[in-house]
C-alpha atoms as a PDB file:
ATOM      1  CA  MET A   1     113.883 103.693  31.833  1.00  0.00           C
ATOM      2  CA  THR A   2     114.784 105.961  34.707  1.00  0.00           C
ATOM      3  CA  GLU A   3     115.580 104.686  38.239  1.00  0.00           C
ATOM      4  CA  PRO A   4     112.344 106.066  39.799  1.00  0.00           C
ATOM      5  CA  GLU A   5     110.252 104.433  37.059  1.00  0.00           C
ATOM      6  CA  ARG A   6     112.041 101.092  37.570  1.00  0.00           C
ATOM      7  CA  ARG A   7     111.384 101.265  41.381  1.00  0.00           C
ATOM      8  CA  LYS A   8     107.710 102.113  40.894  1.00  0.00           C
ATOM      9  CA  ARG A   9     107.137  99.280  38.392  1.00  0.00           C
ATOM     10  CA  SER A  10     108.812  96.538  40.506  1.00  0.00           C
ATOM     11  CA  ALA A  11     107.387  97.600  43.921  1.00  0.00           C
ATOM     12  CA  THR A  12     103.705  97.701  43.104  1.00  0.00           C
ATOM     13  CA  PRO A  13     102.864  93.932  43.018  1.00  0.00           C
ATOM     14  CA  LEU A  14     104.931  93.228  46.137  1.00  0.00           C
ATOM     15  CA  ASP A  15     103.321  96.097  48.040  1.00  0.00           C
ATOM     16  CA  LEU A  16      99.873  94.792  47.210  1.00  0.00           C
ATOM     17  CA  LEU A  17     100.762  91.302  48.437  1.00  0.00           C
ATOM     18  CA  VAL A  18     102.226  92.625  51.694  1.00  0.00           C
ATOM     19  CA  ILE A  19      99.147  94.771  52.341  1.00  0.00           C
ATOM     20  CA  VAL A  20      96.807  91.829  51.800  1.00  0.00           C
ATOM     21  CA  VAL A  21      98.825  89.538  54.113  1.00  0.00           C
ATOM     22  CA  LEU A  22      99.082  92.165  56.866  1.00  0.00           C
ATOM     23  CA  ALA A  23      95.373  92.939  56.711  1.00  0.00           C
ATOM     24  CA  ALA A  24      94.495  89.247  57.039  1.00  0.00           C
ATOM     25  CA  ALA A  25      96.876  88.815  59.979  1.00  0.00           C
ATOM     26  CA  LEU A  26      95.466  91.839  61.805  1.00  0.00           C
ATOM     27  CA  ALA A  27      91.894  90.667  61.296  1.00  0.00           C
ATOM     28  CA  ALA A  28      92.704  87.189  62.605  1.00  0.00           C
ATOM     29  CA  GLY A  29      94.454  88.665  65.634  1.00  0.00           C
ATOM     30  CA  ALA A  30      91.480  90.846  66.465  1.00  0.00           C
ATOM     31  CA  ILE A  31      89.103  87.893  66.259  1.00  0.00           C
ATOM     32  CA  LEU A  32      91.290  85.763  68.554  1.00  0.00           C
ATOM     33  CA  ALA A  33      91.665  88.604  71.055  1.00  0.00           C
ATOM     34  CA  GLY A  34      87.902  89.071  71.114  1.00  0.00           C
ATOM     35  CA  ARG A  35      87.374  85.368  71.753  1.00  0.00           C
ATOM     36  CA  ARG A  36      89.885  85.355  74.608  1.00  0.00           C
ATOM     37  CA  ALA A  37      88.270  88.404  76.184  1.00  0.00           C
ATOM     38  CA  SER A  38      84.795  86.877  75.948  1.00  0.00           C
ATOM     39  CA  ARG A  39      86.029  83.819  77.842  1.00  0.00           C
ATOM     40  CA  GLN A  40      87.382  85.846  80.758  1.00  0.00           C
ATOM     41  CA  PRO A  41      85.256  85.610  83.931  1.00  0.00           C
ATOM     42  CA  SER A  42      83.343  88.685  85.045  1.00  0.00           C
ATOM     43  CA  ARG A  43      84.233  90.577  88.209  1.00  0.00           C
ATOM     44  CA  GLU A  44      81.365  88.752  89.908  1.00  0.00           C
ATOM     45  CA  GLY A  45      83.187  85.457  89.432  1.00  0.00           C
ATOM     46  CA  ALA A  46      80.926  84.010  86.746  1.00  0.00           C
ATOM     47  CA  ALA A  47      81.222  84.063  82.988  1.00  0.00           C
ATOM     48  CA  CYS A  48      78.103  86.127  82.315  1.00  0.00           C
ATOM     49  CA  PRO A  49      77.315  86.811  78.648  1.00  0.00           C
ATOM     50  CA  ARG A  50      77.872  90.370  77.501  1.00  0.00           C
ATOM     51  CA  GLY A  51      74.743  90.459  75.358  1.00  0.00           C
ATOM     52  CA  ALA A  52      71.989  88.985  77.549  1.00  0.00           C
ATOM     53  CA  PRO A  53      68.694  88.311  75.750  1.00  0.00           C
ATOM     54  CA  GLU A  54      66.140  91.059  76.093  1.00  0.00           C
ATOM     55  CA  ARG A  55      63.415  90.194  78.614  1.00  0.00           C
ATOM     56  CA  ILE A  56      60.074  91.750  77.772  1.00  0.00           C
ATOM     57  CA  VAL A  57      57.646  92.463  80.625  1.00  0.00           C
ATOM     58  CA  ARG A  58      54.003  92.636  79.570  1.00  0.00           C
ATOM     59  CA  PRO A  59      51.858  95.385  81.137  1.00  0.00           C
ATOM     60  CA  ASP A  60      49.535  92.774  82.661  1.00  0.00           C
ATOM     61  CA  GLN A  61      52.497  91.248  84.552  1.00  0.00           C
ATOM     62  CA  ILE A  62      53.253  94.467  86.454  1.00  0.00           C
ATOM     63  CA  GLY A  63      51.616  94.715  89.878  1.00  0.00           C
ATOM     64  CA  TYR A  64      53.341  97.765  91.372  1.00  0.00           C
ATOM     65  CA  THR A  65      53.650 101.482  90.682  1.00  0.00           C
ATOM     66  CA  GLU A  66      56.602 103.651  91.649  1.00  0.00           C
ATOM     67  CA  ASP A  67      55.593 106.190  94.290  1.00  0.00           C
ATOM     68  CA  HIS A  68      58.606 108.239  95.344  1.00  0.00           C
ATOM     69  CA  SER A  69      62.324 108.039  96.017  1.00  0.00           C
ATOM     70  CA  ILE A  70      64.477 108.759  99.042  1.00  0.00           C
ATOM     71  CA  PRO A  71      67.588 110.506  97.693  1.00  0.00           C
ATOM     72  CA  VAL A  72      70.769 109.487  99.491  1.00  0.00           C
ATOM     73  CA  GLY A  73      73.324 111.302  97.376  1.00  0.00           C
ATOM     74  CA  GLU A  74      76.188 108.973  98.292  1.00  0.00           C
ATOM     75  CA  ARG A  75      77.381 105.518  97.296  1.00  0.00           C
ATOM     76  CA  VAL A  76      74.826 103.072  98.693  1.00  0.00           C
ATOM     77  CA  ARG A  77      75.620  99.563  99.951  1.00  0.00           C
ATOM     78  CA  GLY A  78      72.827  97.924 101.955  1.00  0.00           C
ATOM     79  CA  LEU A  79      69.198  98.463 102.943  1.00  0.00           C
ATOM     80  CA  ALA A  80      66.939  97.471 105.836  1.00  0.00           C
ATOM     81  CA  VAL A  81      63.551  98.414 107.277  1.00  0.00           C
ATOM     82  CA  GLY A  82      63.184  98.724 111.048  1.00  0.00           C
ATOM     83  CA  GLU A  83      60.518  99.606 113.583  1.00  0.00           C
ATOM     84  CA  ASN A  84      57.802 102.048 112.451  1.00  0.00           C
ATOM     85  CA  ASP A  85      58.983 101.439 108.899  1.00  0.00           C
ATOM     86  CA  HIS A  86      62.119 103.523 109.362  1.00  0.00           C
ATOM     87  CA  VAL A  87      64.567 102.948 106.515  1.00  0.00           C
ATOM     88  CA  PHE A  88      68.271 102.307 107.116  1.00  0.00           C
ATOM     89  CA  VAL A  89      70.846 102.678 104.335  1.00  0.00           C
ATOM     90  CA  SER A  90      74.549 101.872 104.693  1.00  0.00           C
ATOM     91  CA  ILE A  91      76.882 104.291 102.902  1.00  0.00           C
ATOM     92  CA  GLY A  92      80.646 104.228 103.263  1.00  0.00           C
ATOM     93  CA  LEU A  93      81.522 104.556 106.942  1.00  0.00           C
ATOM     94  CA  ALA A  94      78.001 105.333 108.139  1.00  0.00           C
ATOM     95  CA  VAL A  95      74.370 104.229 108.235  1.00  0.00           C
ATOM     96  CA  LEU A  96      71.613 106.739 107.488  1.00  0.00           C
ATOM     97  CA  GLU A  97      68.184 106.420 109.114  1.00  0.00           C
ATOM     98  CA  TYR A  98      65.100 107.834 107.382  1.00  0.00           C
ATOM     99  CA  ALA A  99      61.457 108.207 108.349  1.00  0.00           C
ATOM    100  CA  PRO A 100      59.008 106.530 105.928  1.00  0.00           C
ATOM    101  CA  ASP A 101      58.425 109.846 104.143  1.00  0.00           C
ATOM    102  CA  GLY A 102      62.152 110.178 103.412  1.00  0.00           C
ATOM    103  CA  THR A 103      63.050 112.658 106.140  1.00  0.00           C
ATOM    104  CA  GLU A 104      66.539 111.965 107.481  1.00  0.00           C
ATOM    105  CA  VAL A 105      66.404 111.059 111.181  1.00  0.00           C
ATOM    106  CA  ARG A 106      70.060 110.493 112.025  1.00  0.00           C
ATOM    107  CA  ARG A 107      73.470 109.449 110.794  1.00  0.00           C
ATOM    108  CA  ILE A 108      75.215 106.588 112.601  1.00  0.00           C
ATOM    109  CA  GLU A 109      78.979 106.749 112.180  1.00  0.00           C
ATOM    110  CA  LEU A 110      81.022 103.543 111.812  1.00  0.00           C
ATOM    111  CA  ASP A 111      84.708 102.646 111.814  1.00  0.00           C
ATOM    112  CA  THR A 112      84.341 100.296 108.863  1.00  0.00           C
ATOM    113  CA  ALA A 113      82.030  99.935 105.884  1.00  0.00           C
ATOM    114  CA  ALA A 114      78.881  97.848 106.330  1.00  0.00           C
ATOM    115  CA  ARG A 115      77.997  95.759 103.276  1.00  0.00           C
ATOM    116  CA  ALA A 116      74.875  94.317 104.904  1.00  0.00           C
ATOM    117  CA  LEU A 117      72.455  95.239 107.665  1.00  0.00           C
ATOM    118  CA  THR A 118      69.236  94.278 109.397  1.00  0.00           C
ATOM    119  CA  VAL A 119      67.289  95.665 112.359  1.00  0.00           C
ATOM    120  CA  ALA A 120      65.838  93.695 115.286  1.00  0.00           C
ATOM    121  CA  GLY A 121      64.662  94.981 118.652  1.00  0.00           C
ATOM    122  CA  GLY A 122      65.952  98.440 117.846  1.00  0.00           C
ATOM    123  CA  ILE A 123      69.498  97.135 117.282  1.00  0.00           C
ATOM    124  CA  LEU A 124      71.355  97.294 113.975  1.00  0.00           C
ATOM    125  CA  TYR A 125      73.205  94.128 113.000  1.00  0.00           C
ATOM    126  CA  LEU A 126      75.869  94.886 110.417  1.00  0.00           C
ATOM    127  CA  GLY A 127      77.960  92.748 108.097  1.00  0.00           C
ATOM    128  CA  CYS A 128      81.419  94.309 107.833  1.00  0.00           C
ATOM    129  CA  GLY A 129      83.936  92.152 105.989  1.00  0.00           C
ATOM    130  CA  GLU A 130      84.443  89.034 108.117  1.00  0.00           C
ATOM    131  CA  GLN A 131      82.684  90.530 111.152  1.00  0.00           C
ATOM    132  CA  VAL A 132      79.128  90.926 112.400  1.00  0.00           C
ATOM    133  CA  LEU A 133      78.620  94.069 114.471  1.00  0.00           C
ATOM    134  CA  ALA A 134      75.757  95.150 116.758  1.00  0.00           C
ATOM    135  CA  ALA A 135      75.070  98.908 116.911  1.00  0.00           C
ATOM    136  CA  ASP A 136      72.557 100.887 118.983  1.00  0.00           C
ATOM    137  CA  PRO A 137      71.248 103.808 116.883  1.00  0.00           C
ATOM    138  CA  SER A 138      70.035 105.660 119.989  1.00  0.00           C
ATOM    139  CA  ASP A 139      73.510 106.257 121.412  1.00  0.00           C
ATOM    140  CA  GLY A 140      75.844 105.177 118.602  1.00  0.00           C
ATOM    141  CA  SER A 141      77.460 102.411 120.666  1.00  0.00           C
ATOM    142  CA  ARG A 142      78.609  99.302 118.821  1.00  0.00           C
ATOM    143  CA  LYS A 143      80.482  96.073 119.415  1.00  0.00           C
ATOM    144  CA  VAL A 144      81.791  93.092 117.475  1.00  0.00           C
ATOM    145  CA  LEU A 145      79.239  90.329 117.849  1.00  0.00           C
ATOM    146  CA  ALA A 146      81.082  87.651 115.868  1.00  0.00           C
ATOM    147  CA  ASN A 147      84.193  87.267 113.757  1.00  0.00           C
ATOM    148  CA  LEU A 148      83.795  84.568 111.106  1.00  0.00           C
ATOM    149  CA  GLY A 149      87.522  84.637 110.244  1.00  0.00           C
ATOM    150  CA  GLY A 150      89.278  82.907 107.390  1.00  0.00           C
ATOM    151  CA  GLU A 151      87.947  83.809 103.962  1.00  0.00           C
ATOM    152  CA  ALA A 152      84.654  85.126 105.358  1.00  0.00           C
ATOM    153  CA  PHE A 153      82.925  87.973 103.522  1.00  0.00           C
ATOM    154  CA  VAL A 154      79.506  88.839 104.944  1.00  0.00           C
ATOM    155  CA  THR A 155      77.022  89.884 102.261  1.00  0.00           C
ATOM    156  CA  ALA A 156      73.742  89.688 104.203  1.00  0.00           C
ATOM    157  CA  VAL A 157      72.310  89.449 107.706  1.00  0.00           C
ATOM    158  CA  ALA A 158      68.725  88.572 108.646  1.00  0.00           C
ATOM    159  CA  ALA A 159      67.038  88.334 112.047  1.00  0.00           C
ATOM    160  CA  ALA A 160      64.034  86.253 113.099  1.00  0.00           C
ATOM    161  CA  ARG A 161      63.101  86.059 116.762  1.00  0.00           C
ATOM    162  CA  ASP A 162      66.308  85.138 118.621  1.00  0.00           C
ATOM    163  CA  ILE A 163      68.308  83.980 115.577  1.00  0.00           C
ATOM    164  CA  LEU A 164      70.617  85.801 113.183  1.00  0.00           C
ATOM    165  CA  LEU A 165      71.309  84.226 109.817  1.00  0.00           C
ATOM    166  CA  VAL A 166      74.545  85.471 108.247  1.00  0.00           C
ATOM    167  CA  ALA A 167      75.383  84.964 104.571  1.00  0.00           C
ATOM    168  CA  ASP A 168      79.120  84.415 104.124  1.00  0.00           C
ATOM    169  CA  ALA A 169      79.851  84.582 100.392  1.00  0.00           C
ATOM    170  CA  GLY A 170      83.596  84.326 100.945  1.00  0.00           C
ATOM    171  CA  SER A 171      83.364  80.787 102.334  1.00  0.00           C
ATOM    172  CA  MET A 172      79.985  80.006 100.703  1.00  0.00           C
ATOM    173  CA  ARG A 173      78.080  79.175 103.857  1.00  0.00           C
ATOM    174  CA  LEU A 174      75.177  80.273 106.011  1.00  0.00           C
ATOM    175  CA  VAL A 175      76.102  80.879 109.642  1.00  0.00           C
ATOM    176  CA  TRP A 176      73.479  80.715 112.380  1.00  0.00           C
ATOM    177  CA  LEU A 177      74.049  82.932 115.426  1.00  0.00           C
ATOM    178  CA  GLY A 178      72.164  83.859 118.563  1.00  0.00           C
ATOM    179  CA  LEU A 179      71.496  87.552 119.105  1.00  0.00           C
ATOM    180  CA  ASP A 180      74.393  87.439 121.565  1.00  0.00           C
ATOM    181  CA  GLY A 181      76.735  86.227 118.831  1.00  0.00           C
ATOM    182  CA  ALA A 182      76.918  82.614 120.028  1.00  0.00           C
ATOM    183  CA  ARG A 183      77.461  80.216 117.122  1.00  0.00           C
ATOM    184  CA  ARG A 184      74.452  77.915 116.596  1.00  0.00           C
ATOM    185  CA  GLY A 185      75.651  76.149 113.456  1.00  0.00           C
ATOM    186  CA  GLU A 186      76.434  76.597 109.788  1.00  0.00           C
ATOM    187  CA  THR A 187      75.349  75.283 106.411  1.00  0.00           C
ATOM    188  CA  SER A 188      77.852  74.835 103.588  1.00  0.00           C
ATOM    189  CA  LEU A 189      76.682  75.838 100.134  1.00  0.00           C
ATOM    190  CA  PRO A 190      77.863  74.777  96.675  1.00  0.00           C
ATOM    191  CA  ARG A 191      80.037  77.336  94.949  1.00  0.00           C
ATOM    192  CA  PRO A 192      78.466  79.021  91.910  1.00  0.00           C
ATOM    193  CA  PRO A 193      79.504  77.530  88.553  1.00  0.00           C
ATOM    194  CA  ASN A 194      82.344  79.276  86.687  1.00  0.00           C
ATOM    195  CA  ARG A 195      83.498  81.074  89.825  1.00  0.00           C
ATOM    196  CA  ASP A 196      87.043  82.301  89.343  1.00  0.00           C
ATOM    197  CA  THR A 197      88.745  80.869  92.438  1.00  0.00           C
ATOM    198  CA  ARG A 198      92.154  81.967  91.146  1.00  0.00           C
ATOM    199  CA  ALA A 199      91.285  85.598  91.809  1.00  0.00           C
ATOM    200  CA  ASN A 200      90.180  84.732  95.357  1.00  0.00           C
ATOM    201  CA  VAL A 201      87.409  87.322  95.048  1.00  0.00           C
ATOM    202  CA  PRO A 202      84.086  86.279  96.616  1.00  0.00           C
ATOM    203  CA  SER A 203      80.824  86.799  94.821  1.00  0.00           C
ATOM    204  CA  THR A 204      78.828  89.601  96.400  1.00  0.00           C
ATOM    205  CA  TYR A 205      75.574  87.846  95.583  1.00  0.00           C
ATOM    206  CA  LEU A 206      74.465  85.704  98.492  1.00  0.00           C
ATOM    207  CA  ASP A 207      71.432  87.147 100.258  1.00  0.00           C
ATOM    208  CA  VAL A 208      69.142  86.035 103.086  1.00  0.00           C
ATOM    209  CA  ALA A 209      65.816  87.268 104.459  1.00  0.00           C
ATOM    210  CA  ALA A 210      63.696  86.440 107.489  1.00  0.00           C
ATOM    211  CA  ALA A 211      60.021  85.500 107.364  1.00  0.00           C
ATOM    212  CA  ALA A 212      57.391  86.365 109.988  1.00  0.00           C
ATOM    213  CA  ASP A 213      57.095  82.687 110.979  1.00  0.00           C
ATOM    214  CA  GLY A 214      60.745  82.551 112.093  1.00  0.00           C
ATOM    215  CA  THR A 215      62.058  80.783 108.985  1.00  0.00           C
ATOM    216  CA  PHE A 216      64.553  82.129 106.469  1.00  0.00           C
ATOM    217  CA  TRP A 217      64.995  82.335 102.710  1.00  0.00           C
ATOM    218  CA  ALA A 218      68.357  82.416 100.911  1.00  0.00           C
ATOM    219  CA  THR A 219      69.282  83.039  97.297  1.00  0.00           C
ATOM    220  CA  GLU A 220      70.862  80.228  95.291  1.00  0.00           C
ATOM    221  CA  THR A 221      72.357  82.424  92.607  1.00  0.00           C
ATOM    222  CA  GLY A 222      74.153  79.704  90.675  1.00  0.00           C
ATOM    223  CA  ALA A 223      71.127  77.389  90.750  1.00  0.00           C
ATOM    224  CA  PHE A 224      68.454  79.915  89.704  1.00  0.00           C
ATOM    225  CA  GLY A 225      66.468  79.549  92.902  1.00  0.00           C
ATOM    226  CA  VAL A 226      65.593  80.547  96.434  1.00  0.00           C
ATOM    227  CA  ALA A 227      65.905  78.065  99.319  1.00  0.00           C
ATOM    228  CA  HIS A 228      63.838  77.871 102.511  1.00  0.00           C
ATOM    229  CA  TYR A 229      65.373  77.041 105.927  1.00  0.00           C
ATOM    230  CA  ASP A 230      64.068  76.712 109.449  1.00  0.00           C
ATOM    231  CA  ALA A 231      65.728  78.391 112.442  1.00  0.00           C
ATOM    232  CA  ALA A 232      67.860  75.295 113.085  1.00  0.00           C
ATOM    233  CA  GLY A 233      69.336  75.340 109.582  1.00  0.00           C
ATOM    234  CA  ASN A 234      67.264  72.511 108.126  1.00  0.00           C
ATOM    235  CA  ARG A 235      66.441  72.959 104.461  1.00  0.00           C
ATOM    236  CA  LEU A 236      62.675  72.983 103.990  1.00  0.00           C
ATOM    237  CA  GLY A 237      62.535  73.318 100.215  1.00  0.00           C
ATOM    238  CA  SER A 238      63.210  75.666  97.340  1.00  0.00           C
ATOM    239  CA  PHE A 239      61.718  77.048  94.151  1.00  0.00           C
ATOM    240  CA  GLY A 240      62.906  78.533  90.877  1.00  0.00           C
ATOM    241  CA  LYS A 241      64.441  77.528  87.571  1.00  0.00           C
ATOM    242  CA  GLY A 242      66.576  79.178  84.929  1.00  0.00           C
ATOM    243  CA  SER A 243      65.058  80.515  81.717  1.00  0.00           C
ATOM    244  CA  GLU A 244      64.461  83.853  80.031  1.00  0.00           C
ATOM    245  CA  ALA A 245      60.726  83.680  80.794  1.00  0.00           C
ATOM    246  CA  ILE A 246      59.744  86.495  83.153  1.00  0.00           C
ATOM    247  CA  GLU A 247      58.369  84.067  85.741  1.00  0.00           C
ATOM    248  CA  ASP A 248      61.765  82.308  85.926  1.00  0.00           C
ATOM    249  CA  PHE A 249      65.298  83.501  86.724  1.00  0.00           C
ATOM    250  CA  GLY A 250      67.354  84.493  83.692  1.00  0.00           C
ATOM    251  CA  GLY A 251      70.961  85.321  82.905  1.00  0.00           C
ATOM    252  CA  CYS A 252      73.791  83.216  84.270  1.00  0.00           C
ATOM    253  CA  CYS A 253      73.540  83.765  88.030  1.00  0.00           C
ATOM    254  CA  ASN A 254      70.249  84.972  89.503  1.00  0.00           C
ATOM    255  CA  PRO A 255      68.468  85.943  91.720  1.00  0.00           C
ATOM    256  CA  THR A 256      70.832  88.283  93.543  1.00  0.00           C
ATOM    257  CA  HIS A 257      68.644  89.552  96.416  1.00  0.00           C
ATOM    258  CA  VAL A 258      65.575  88.449  98.362  1.00  0.00           C
ATOM    259  CA  ALA A 259      63.140  90.067 100.826  1.00  0.00           C
ATOM    260  CA  LEU A 260      59.933  88.950 102.551  1.00  0.00           C
ATOM    261  CA  ALA A 261      56.615  90.789 102.445  1.00  0.00           C
ATOM    262  CA  PRO A 262      54.188  90.867 105.405  1.00  0.00           C
ATOM    263  CA  ASP A 263      51.749  88.576 103.574  1.00  0.00           C
ATOM    264  CA  GLY A 264      54.463  85.953 102.971  1.00  0.00           C
ATOM    265  CA  GLY A 265      55.268  87.088  99.449  1.00  0.00           C
ATOM    266  CA  ILE A 266      58.878  86.622  98.366  1.00  0.00           C
ATOM    267  CA  VAL A 267      60.485  89.544  96.546  1.00  0.00           C
ATOM    268  CA  THR A 268      63.489  88.815  94.336  1.00  0.00           C
ATOM    269  CA  VAL A 269      65.968  90.923  92.376  1.00  0.00           C
ATOM    270  CA  GLU A 270      67.794  89.945  89.198  1.00  0.00           C
ATOM    271  CA  LYS A 271      70.647  91.567  87.299  1.00  0.00           C
ATOM    272  CA  LYS A 272      71.542  91.966  83.616  1.00  0.00           C
ATOM    273  CA  PRO A 273      68.893  93.209  83.100  1.00  0.00           C
ATOM    274  CA  ALA A 274      67.572  94.543  86.423  1.00  0.00           C
ATOM    275  CA  LEU A 275      64.243  92.927  87.307  1.00  0.00           C
ATOM    276  CA  VAL A 276      62.284  92.964  90.593  1.00  0.00           C
ATOM    277  CA  LYS A 277      59.515  90.396  91.072  1.00  0.00           C
ATOM    278  CA  VAL A 278      57.178  88.899  93.673  1.00  0.00           C
ATOM    279  CA  TYR A 279      56.477  85.202  94.211  1.00  0.00           C
ATOM    280  CA  ARG A 280      53.792  83.733  96.428  1.00  0.00           C
ATOM    281  CA  SER A 281      54.785  81.745  99.508  1.00  0.00           C
ATOM    282  CA  ASP A 282      54.357  78.511  97.537  1.00  0.00           C
ATOM    283  CA  GLY A 283      56.916  79.701  94.971  1.00  0.00           C
ATOM    284  CA  SER A 284      54.468  80.505  92.194  1.00  0.00           C
ATOM    285  CA  PHE A 285      55.021  83.720  90.242  1.00  0.00           C
ATOM    286  CA  ALA A 286      52.788  86.620  91.289  1.00  0.00           C
ATOM    287  CA  CYS A 287      53.882  89.747  89.432  1.00  0.00           C
ATOM    288  CA  VAL A 288      56.651  92.130  88.447  1.00  0.00           C
ATOM    289  CA  VAL A 289      57.456  95.060  90.715  1.00  0.00           C
ATOM    290  CA  ALA A 290      59.728  96.839  88.229  1.00  0.00           C
ATOM    291  CA  GLY A 291      61.204  95.735  84.919  1.00  0.00           C
ATOM    292  CA  PRO A 292      64.368  96.643  82.999  1.00  0.00           C
ATOM    293  CA  GLY A 293      62.760  99.810  81.633  1.00  0.00           C
ATOM    294  CA  SER A 294      62.527 101.239  85.160  1.00  0.00           C
ATOM    295  CA  PHE A 295      66.290 101.307  85.673  1.00  0.00           C
ATOM    296  CA  ASP A 296      69.248 103.050  84.076  1.00  0.00           C
ATOM    297  CA  GLY A 297      71.263 100.989  81.599  1.00  0.00           C
ATOM    298  CA  THR A 298      73.282  98.253  83.260  1.00  0.00           C
ATOM    299  CA  THR A 299      72.423  99.207  86.860  1.00  0.00           C
ATOM    300  CA  LEU A 300      73.239  96.462  89.382  1.00  0.00           C
ATOM    301  CA  LEU A 301      70.653  96.939  92.135  1.00  0.00           C
ATOM    302  CA  ALA A 302      72.256  96.890  95.580  1.00  0.00           C
ATOM    303  CA  ASP A 303      69.472  95.574  97.847  1.00  0.00           C
ATOM    304  CA  VAL A 304      65.739  95.217  98.413  1.00  0.00           C
ATOM    305  CA  ALA A 305      63.411  95.375 101.421  1.00  0.00           C
ATOM    306  CA  VAL A 306      59.676  95.432 102.168  1.00  0.00           C
ATOM    307  CA  ASP A 307      57.951  97.514 104.856  1.00  0.00           C
ATOM    308  CA  SER A 308      54.868  96.694 106.955  1.00  0.00           C
ATOM    309  CA  ALA A 309      52.551  98.254 104.361  1.00  0.00           C
ATOM    310  CA  GLY A 310      53.884  95.966 101.635  1.00  0.00           C
ATOM    311  CA  ARG A 311      55.819  98.721  99.873  1.00  0.00           C
ATOM    312  CA  VAL A 312      58.863  97.366  98.033  1.00  0.00           C
ATOM    313  CA  LEU A 313      62.001  99.438  98.578  1.00  0.00           C
ATOM    314  CA  VAL A 314      64.766  99.045  95.991  1.00  0.00           C
ATOM    315  CA  LEU A 315      68.283 100.383  96.534  1.00  0.00           C
ATOM    316  CA  ASP A 316      69.433 101.915  93.251  1.00  0.00           C
ATOM    317  CA  PRO A 317      73.199 102.708  93.102  1.00  0.00           C
ATOM    318  CA  ALA A 318      72.968 104.517  89.769  1.00  0.00           C
ATOM    319  CA  ARG A 319      70.537 107.078  91.195  1.00  0.00           C
ATOM    320  CA  GLN A 320      71.968 106.855  94.738  1.00  0.00           C
ATOM    321  CA  ALA A 321      68.454 106.519  96.085  1.00  0.00           C
ATOM    322  CA  VAL A 322      65.904 104.238  97.702  1.00  0.00           C
ATOM    323  CA  ARG A 323      63.069 103.823  95.216  1.00  0.00           C
ATOM    324  CA  VAL A 324      59.655 103.010  96.656  1.00  0.00           C
ATOM    325  CA  PHE A 325      57.065 100.905  94.794  1.00  0.00           C
ATOM    326  CA  LEU A 326      53.432 100.535  95.889  1.00  0.00           C
ATOM    327  CA  PRO A 327      51.152  97.543  95.144  1.00  0.00           C
ATOM    328  CA  THR A 328      48.658  98.464  92.445  1.00  0.00           C
ATOM    329  CA  PRO A 329      45.096  98.198  93.835  1.00  0.00           C
ATOM    330  CA  GLY A 330      43.215  95.247  92.393  1.00  0.00           C
ATOM    331  CA  LYS A 331      46.343  93.413  91.259  1.00  0.00           C
ATOM    332  CA  ASP A 332      47.004  89.895  92.548  1.00  0.00           C
ATOM    333  CA  ALA A 333      50.452  90.269  94.068  1.00  0.00           C
END
């Protein structure tokens, strides 16, 4: 027997064994790596499942129709509706003002990015990092109204009468201010479950909205609800529960945004998948504004607002636009 034949005959069983062992080891390693990755917290600070159950919206649950969009064409951050239903959108180092028909009115330049904004008495109140700013759109003047310091990260500002409610997701609290910036009090909130405190990155999902009666509503993202407060910071109640039913709040940490309609309706936004809904003032489900099929893929909606005509305005980062939804005539919304 020649040397090559001897090598071929003796190597074949050993090669097969080595191949089998290596293949098994690689497969086991891939499975373990996948399990470790699935346990890592999301960038929002909560361990949201990658494959969220599909949520099916029935046609009879939809009470709004999309009307038109206001194209912004830049990265959008926050949304507010002011006097005469003018629309304000924060983008980078500026705020854009639009007429209700989408015509751009002006551009208000800023020195820092505004994550949140609201309008009261013709003044823009902006959440910029740990600060709350007041800006006058008519002349572009602005000043620091309050500095919340520490780990503060302002994600929402709402105004009702002479009170500003500021959502500080960095320190998980609601801060009550006068329109002059004077501190009126604060309410500590429980931190969302599974929040990754090691990364020291605040959740960007803590939203507040003002009602016509001078009270406020705030999202309780980790508790699947929306809470009601008076102007002094007293908790008046809450509604909501977690489930994949359309009338409830699904996923792992919803709702993300809230807005108030003129008739007292409460508009909420959910993520993964994107879902915009309306609840009555007593917390009962009214209808869907727009379901997952209305949005692109895994879009994380940036904000929501309602104008005096009851139109729901949704800030869509994927399309870089404000999308406007009208109540469908005859629907109980």
